[in-house]
Amino acid sequence: MNRIATLDIGTNTVLLLIVERDGSSMRVLRDDHAIARLGEGVDKTGTISDRALERFRRVLAKHVATIAELHVDRVAAVGTSALRDAKNREEIVRAVQQGFGIEIEIISGNEEARWTYTGALWGTGVKSDNREVVKSEDSKVVVLDIGGGSTEIATGDGHRYQSGISLDIGAVRVTERCFKTNPIMPEAVLQARTLVRNEFARISNIGPIDRVIAVAGTPTTLAAMHQDLQKFETEKIQNYVLRRLAVEQLLDLLLKSDTRRVLELFPAVNKARADILPAGTLILQEAMEFLGVDAITVSTRGLRYGIAMRELGL
């Protein structure tokens, strides 16, 4: 079993990674991104809608064609927040099994934190400023995953995962609960901040942190925006350092602009993500404040990489 495909089925995105074993590591063959917004309305209704399921089917069909083209030995598909919350999750899982022959494993928030941590650190030399982090019990590297339905905060020593927590705040969830207008009203921003801060208050003090690595669509999009990229360029986004001031400035712009203006100013922003980007950025800003860090390192990797490593026994 040398060639693995992993599918990360999230509230907003469906991500496909295809890798093959390369000695004691792995080589990436494909890393494809698509937005299905499977979790649209789940926070309010508790159910995945027929419209969202149809979008998901279309995205999945494209990914399955890629998997077939590359002659994959095994497919490992994991579902996260939307499928954890949906009352009709078993119906969705059954439909995917019958329609595509793919079995979805719905993982817990803690499992999501663990494998996101593992995947985010794959192939990176974890550093703090200009020095190597000493991989000991006293070192602390945090991986922050701002998803559509949930946000995971995972900690470890820069090599081994130690602990994690999943919070019920994500870019889609916060947008649906709080941001009803475009541009966004000040009172809605206050409502969103209160919601996010109440969730972060559930976390006990993490202590001194050597480095924070942020994964998923919000930080990667902000990294593209901050560099004025005309399109999403992985090599320019991976390991890009975003400082708190830059995040605050981008958030201010996003809150005061409608989505059409944002898309005009920043061609690298995915049209299907623009409406939830303010909420994701607000979560990131509040996370940096809570963690007491002035900068985060952006990673284009995450859960799908961790699941691939799990499947290959790396």
Protein backbone atom coordinates (compact mmCIF):
# COMPACT_ATOMS: atom_id res chain seq x y z
CA MET A 1 0.00 0.00 0.00
CA ASN A 2 2.34 2.70 -1.29
CA ARG A 3 -0.06 5.23 -2.84
CA ILE A 4 -2.68 6.83 -0.60
CA ALA A 5 -5.46 9.36 -1.22
CA THR A 6 -6.86 11.28 1.72
CA LEU A 7 -10.04 13.33 1.67
CA ASP A 8 -10.61 15.99 4.32
CA ILE A 9 -14.36 16.65 4.27
CA GLY A 10 -14.94 19.85 6.15
CA THR A 11 -17.74 22.33 6.73
CA ASN A 12 -16.58 24.54 3.86
CA THR A 13 -13.96 22.62 1.87
CA VAL A 14 -13.28 19.16 0.51
CA LEU A 15 -9.52 18.67 0.21
CA LEU A 16 -7.81 15.86 -1.69
CA LEU A 17 -4.22 14.77 -1.12
CA ILE A 18 -2.54 11.94 -3.03
CA VAL A 19 0.87 10.77 -1.84
CA GLU A 20 3.12 7.79 -2.24
CA ARG A 21 5.64 6.36 0.16
CA ASP A 22 9.21 7.54 -0.36
CA GLY A 23 11.39 5.58 2.03
CA SER A 24 10.61 6.81 5.52
CA SER A 25 8.66 9.81 4.18
CA MET A 26 6.10 10.51 1.46
CA ARG A 27 6.00 12.29 -1.87
CA VAL A 28 3.07 14.51 -2.82
CA LEU A 29 1.48 13.73 -6.19
CA ARG A 30 -1.64 15.91 -5.99
CA ASP A 31 -3.00 18.42 -3.50
CA ASP A 32 -6.40 19.66 -4.70
CA HIS A 33 -8.75 22.13 -3.05
CA ALA A 34 -12.49 22.63 -3.62
CA ILE A 35 -15.30 24.37 -1.79
CA ALA A 36 -18.62 22.57 -1.32
CA ARG A 37 -19.95 24.34 1.83
CA LEU A 38 -21.36 21.02 3.03
CA GLY A 39 -22.08 22.55 6.43
CA GLU A 40 -24.26 25.38 5.14
CA GLY A 41 -27.06 25.90 7.66
CA VAL A 42 -26.04 22.97 9.87
CA ASP A 43 -25.42 25.25 12.87
CA LYS A 44 -29.07 26.37 12.76
CA THR A 45 -30.92 23.30 11.46
CA GLY A 46 -28.66 20.45 12.56
CA THR A 47 -29.11 18.94 9.11
CA ILE A 48 -27.10 18.87 5.88
CA SER A 49 -29.42 20.20 3.17
CA ASP A 50 -30.13 18.63 -0.21
CA ARG A 51 -28.56 21.67 -1.90
CA ALA A 52 -25.34 21.32 0.11
CA LEU A 53 -25.26 17.58 -0.55
CA GLU A 54 -25.57 18.16 -4.30
CA ARG A 55 -22.61 20.58 -4.23
CA PHE A 56 -20.65 18.02 -2.24
CA ARG A 57 -21.45 15.27 -4.75
CA ARG A 58 -20.18 17.40 -7.65
CA VAL A 59 -16.91 18.16 -5.87
CA LEU A 60 -16.48 14.56 -4.79
CA ALA A 61 -17.02 13.31 -8.35
CA LYS A 62 -14.08 15.42 -9.55
CA HIS A 63 -11.86 14.20 -6.74
CA VAL A 64 -12.82 10.57 -7.41
CA ALA A 65 -11.88 11.00 -11.08
CA THR A 66 -8.45 12.23 -10.02
CA ILE A 67 -8.07 9.31 -7.63
CA ALA A 68 -8.91 6.84 -10.42
CA GLU A 69 -6.51 8.55 -12.83
CA LEU A 70 -3.59 8.16 -10.41
CA HIS A 71 -4.32 4.51 -9.53
CA VAL A 72 -4.47 4.93 -5.77
CA ASP A 73 -4.13 1.85 -3.54
CA ARG A 74 -6.35 3.13 -0.74
CA VAL A 75 -8.64 6.08 0.00
CA ALA A 76 -8.97 7.40 3.55
CA ALA A 77 -11.79 9.94 3.91
CA VAL A 78 -12.44 11.80 7.16
CA GLY A 79 -15.37 14.03 8.06
CA THR A 80 -15.10 16.82 10.60
CA SER A 81 -17.36 19.45 12.18
CA ALA A 82 -20.34 19.48 9.79
CA LEU A 83 -20.66 15.71 9.79
CA ARG A 84 -20.09 15.55 13.56
CA ASP A 85 -23.00 17.96 14.08
CA ALA A 86 -25.44 16.81 11.38
CA LYS A 87 -28.35 14.67 12.49
CA ASN A 88 -28.46 13.09 9.02
CA ARG A 89 -24.74 12.23 8.95
CA GLU A 90 -25.41 8.49 8.63
CA GLU A 91 -27.55 9.16 5.56
CA ILE A 92 -24.72 11.22 4.02
CA VAL A 93 -22.11 8.58 4.81
CA ARG A 94 -24.33 5.88 3.29
CA ALA A 95 -24.94 7.94 0.15
CA VAL A 96 -21.20 8.43 -0.38
CA GLN A 97 -20.50 4.74 0.19
CA GLN A 98 -23.19 3.71 -2.30
CA GLY A 99 -22.47 6.40 -4.88
CA PHE A 100 -18.67 6.51 -4.82
CA GLY A 101 -17.51 3.44 -2.92
CA ILE A 102 -15.81 5.63 -0.30
CA GLU A 103 -16.25 5.08 3.43
CA ILE A 104 -16.17 8.28 5.50
CA GLU A 105 -14.68 8.11 8.97
CA ILE A 106 -16.18 10.84 11.15
CA ILE A 107 -13.45 11.85 13.56
CA SER A 108 -13.74 13.63 16.89
CA GLY A 109 -12.49 17.15 17.48
CA ASN A 110 -9.56 15.82 19.50
CA GLU A 111 -8.60 13.43 16.70
CA GLU A 112 -8.84 16.29 14.23
CA ALA A 113 -6.48 18.35 16.40
CA ARG A 114 -4.01 15.47 16.68
CA TRP A 115 -3.75 14.66 12.98
CA THR A 116 -3.80 18.31 11.95
CA TYR A 117 -0.82 18.89 14.22
CA THR A 118 1.01 15.93 12.70
CA GLY A 119 0.25 17.02 9.15
CA ALA A 120 1.09 20.70 9.66
CA LEU A 121 4.57 19.82 10.89
CA TRP A 122 5.34 17.36 8.09
CA GLY A 123 8.50 18.31 6.24
CA THR A 124 9.06 21.52 8.20
CA GLY A 125 12.05 22.60 10.26
CA VAL A 126 10.20 24.03 13.22
CA LYS A 127 11.94 27.20 14.31
CA SER A 128 11.28 30.01 16.74
CA ASP A 129 12.50 33.31 15.27
CA ASN A 130 16.04 32.44 14.09
CA ARG A 131 16.76 29.49 16.33
CA GLU A 132 15.76 25.86 16.22
CA VAL A 133 13.17 24.89 18.78
CA VAL A 134 14.63 22.46 21.27
CA LYS A 135 12.38 19.42 21.08
CA SER A 136 11.82 18.83 24.75
CA GLU A 137 8.95 18.79 27.21
CA ASP A 138 9.57 22.50 27.81
CA SER A 139 9.15 23.47 24.14
CA LYS A 140 5.71 24.33 22.87
CA VAL A 141 4.59 24.53 19.27
CA VAL A 142 0.90 25.28 18.72
CA VAL A 143 -1.03 24.42 15.57
CA LEU A 144 -4.15 26.50 15.00
CA ASP A 145 -6.77 25.18 12.56
CA ILE A 146 -9.58 27.63 11.77
CA GLY A 147 -12.15 25.56 9.92
CA GLY A 148 -15.65 26.28 8.72
CA GLY A 149 -17.46 24.80 11.71
CA SER A 150 -14.79 24.42 14.37
CA THR A 151 -11.39 25.66 15.43
CA GLU A 152 -8.76 23.29 16.79
CA ILE A 153 -5.83 24.29 18.97
CA ALA A 154 -3.20 21.55 19.25
CA THR A 155 0.02 21.65 21.24
CA GLY A 156 3.21 19.60 21.16
CA ASP A 157 6.98 19.82 21.50
CA GLY A 158 7.60 20.53 17.83
CA HIS A 159 7.68 16.84 17.01
CA ARG A 160 5.18 14.91 19.11
CA TYR A 161 1.54 15.89 19.58
CA GLN A 162 0.65 16.37 23.24
CA SER A 163 -2.88 17.73 23.58
CA GLY A 164 -5.64 19.50 21.71
CA ILE A 165 -9.09 20.98 21.98
CA SER A 166 -11.84 21.59 19.44
CA LEU A 167 -14.00 24.71 19.80
CA ASP A 168 -17.41 25.23 18.17
CA ILE A 169 -16.35 28.37 16.33
CA GLY A 170 -15.51 28.39 12.66
CA ALA A 171 -15.71 30.81 9.76
CA VAL A 172 -19.02 29.46 8.44
CA ARG A 173 -20.60 29.07 11.89
CA VAL A 174 -19.67 32.60 13.05
CA THR A 175 -20.76 34.11 9.73
CA GLU A 176 -24.16 32.44 9.87
CA ARG A 177 -24.72 33.37 13.51
CA CYS A 178 -23.46 36.95 13.49
CA PHE A 179 -22.76 38.49 10.08
CA LYS A 180 -26.12 39.10 8.40
CA THR A 181 -25.18 42.18 6.36
CA ASN A 182 -22.51 43.06 3.83
CA PRO A 183 -20.56 45.14 4.81
CA ILE A 184 -20.79 44.01 8.42
CA MET A 185 -22.37 46.19 11.12
CA PRO A 186 -20.30 47.15 14.23
CA GLU A 187 -22.78 45.52 16.60
CA ALA A 188 -22.40 42.25 14.69
CA VAL A 189 -18.63 42.43 15.12
CA LEU A 190 -19.11 42.83 18.88
CA GLN A 191 -21.48 39.85 18.92
CA ALA A 192 -18.94 37.73 17.03
CA ARG A 193 -16.08 38.76 19.34
CA THR A 194 -18.13 37.81 22.38
CA LEU A 195 -18.96 34.41 20.88
CA VAL A 196 -15.33 33.72 20.00
CA ARG A 197 -13.92 34.92 23.32
CA ASN A 198 -16.40 32.80 25.28
CA GLU A 199 -15.13 29.72 23.41
CA PHE A 200 -11.47 30.58 23.98
CA ALA A 201 -12.26 31.04 27.69
CA ARG A 202 -12.83 27.26 27.83
CA ILE A 203 -9.10 26.69 27.35
CA SER A 204 -6.77 26.56 30.33
CA ASN A 205 -3.55 28.57 30.17
CA ILE A 206 -1.25 27.07 27.54
CA GLY A 207 1.87 28.81 28.85
CA PRO A 208 4.91 30.12 26.94
CA ILE A 209 4.79 29.30 23.23
CA ASP A 210 7.74 28.92 20.88
CA ARG A 211 5.76 29.12 17.67
CA VAL A 212 2.21 29.08 16.31
CA ILE A 213 1.53 27.43 12.94
CA ALA A 214 -1.83 28.33 11.41
CA VAL A 215 -3.47 26.10 8.79
CA ALA A 216 -6.61 26.17 6.61
CA GLY A 217 -8.21 28.67 4.28
CA THR A 218 -8.24 31.78 6.43
CA PRO A 219 -4.51 32.12 7.14
CA THR A 220 -3.46 30.92 3.69
CA THR A 221 -5.79 33.45 2.04
CA LEU A 222 -4.56 36.25 4.30
CA ALA A 223 -0.97 35.35 3.39
CA ALA A 224 -1.86 35.68 -0.29
CA MET A 225 -3.62 38.99 0.34
CA HIS A 226 -0.74 40.42 2.36
CA GLN A 227 1.67 39.62 -0.48
CA ASP A 228 -0.72 41.02 -3.14
CA LEU A 229 -0.60 37.73 -5.02
CA GLN A 230 -2.64 37.55 -8.20
CA LYS A 231 -3.38 33.87 -7.60
CA PHE A 232 -2.89 31.26 -4.90
CA GLU A 233 0.81 30.27 -4.98
CA THR A 234 1.59 27.52 -2.50
CA GLU A 235 5.34 28.06 -2.53
CA LYS A 236 4.88 31.73 -1.53
CA ILE A 237 2.29 30.98 1.12
CA GLN A 238 3.86 27.96 2.85
CA ASN A 239 5.85 29.19 5.90
CA TYR A 240 4.85 32.83 5.32
CA VAL A 241 4.92 34.82 8.57
CA LEU A 242 1.89 36.97 9.35
CA ARG A 243 2.22 39.48 12.17
CA ARG A 244 -0.65 40.57 14.36
CA LEU A 245 -0.64 44.11 12.97
CA ALA A 246 -1.09 42.76 9.42
CA VAL A 247 -3.96 40.54 10.55
CA GLU A 248 -5.62 43.49 12.30
CA GLN A 249 -5.25 45.71 9.23
CA LEU A 250 -6.68 43.06 6.91
CA LEU A 251 -9.56 42.42 9.31
CA ASP A 252 -10.39 46.13 9.42
CA LEU A 253 -10.52 46.21 5.62
CA LEU A 254 -12.65 43.05 5.42
CA LEU A 255 -15.17 44.30 7.97
CA LYS A 256 -15.61 47.62 6.18
CA SER A 257 -15.77 46.29 2.60
CA ASP A 258 -18.39 44.27 0.77
CA THR A 259 -17.30 41.00 -0.82
CA ARG A 260 -17.30 42.45 -4.34
CA ARG A 261 -14.76 45.08 -3.31
CA VAL A 262 -12.58 42.48 -1.58
CA LEU A 263 -12.53 40.35 -4.74
CA GLU A 264 -11.61 43.40 -6.83
CA LEU A 265 -8.72 44.29 -4.55
CA PHE A 266 -7.41 40.75 -4.00
CA PRO A 267 -7.59 38.42 -7.04
CA ALA A 268 -6.15 35.50 -5.01
CA VAL A 269 -9.25 35.33 -2.80
CA ASN A 270 -11.52 32.42 -3.73
CA LYS A 271 -14.98 33.77 -4.61
CA ALA A 272 -16.62 30.99 -2.61
CA ARG A 273 -14.62 31.94 0.49
CA ALA A 274 -14.94 35.73 0.43
CA ASP A 275 -18.16 35.87 2.49
CA ILE A 276 -16.70 33.90 5.42
CA LEU A 277 -13.23 35.46 5.37
CA PRO A 278 -14.09 38.28 7.84
CA ALA A 279 -15.27 35.76 10.43
CA GLY A 280 -12.20 33.56 9.94
CA THR A 281 -9.90 36.56 10.26
CA LEU A 282 -11.64 37.71 13.42
CA ILE A 283 -11.14 34.24 14.92
CA LEU A 284 -7.45 34.38 13.96
CA GLN A 285 -7.00 37.80 15.54
CA GLU A 286 -8.69 36.69 18.75
CA ALA A 287 -6.61 33.49 18.79
CA MET A 288 -3.37 35.46 18.52
CA GLU A 289 -4.54 37.71 21.35
CA PHE A 290 -5.50 34.72 23.50
CA LEU A 291 -2.24 32.88 22.82
CA GLY A 292 -0.20 36.03 23.40
CA VAL A 293 1.75 35.85 20.14
CA ASP A 294 2.75 38.61 17.75
CA ALA A 295 3.15 36.38 14.69
CA ILE A 296 1.99 33.11 13.18
CA THR A 297 3.58 30.92 10.52
CA VAL A 298 1.18 29.93 7.75
CA SER A 299 1.03 26.33 6.56
CA THR A 300 -0.82 25.01 3.51
CA ARG A 301 -0.81 21.53 5.10
CA GLY A 302 -2.89 20.04 7.86
CA LEU A 303 -5.35 17.24 8.51
CA ARG A 304 -5.12 15.51 5.10
CA TYR A 305 -1.33 15.25 5.51
CA GLY A 306 -1.67 13.83 9.01
CA ILE A 307 -4.16 11.20 7.86
CA ALA A 308 -1.83 10.23 5.01
CA MET A 309 0.98 9.76 7.53
CA ARG A 310 -1.32 7.67 9.72
CA GLU A 311 -2.25 5.45 6.77
CA LEU A 312 1.38 4.98 5.72
CA GLY A 313 2.51 4.34 9.29
CA LEU A 314 4.98 7.26 9.23
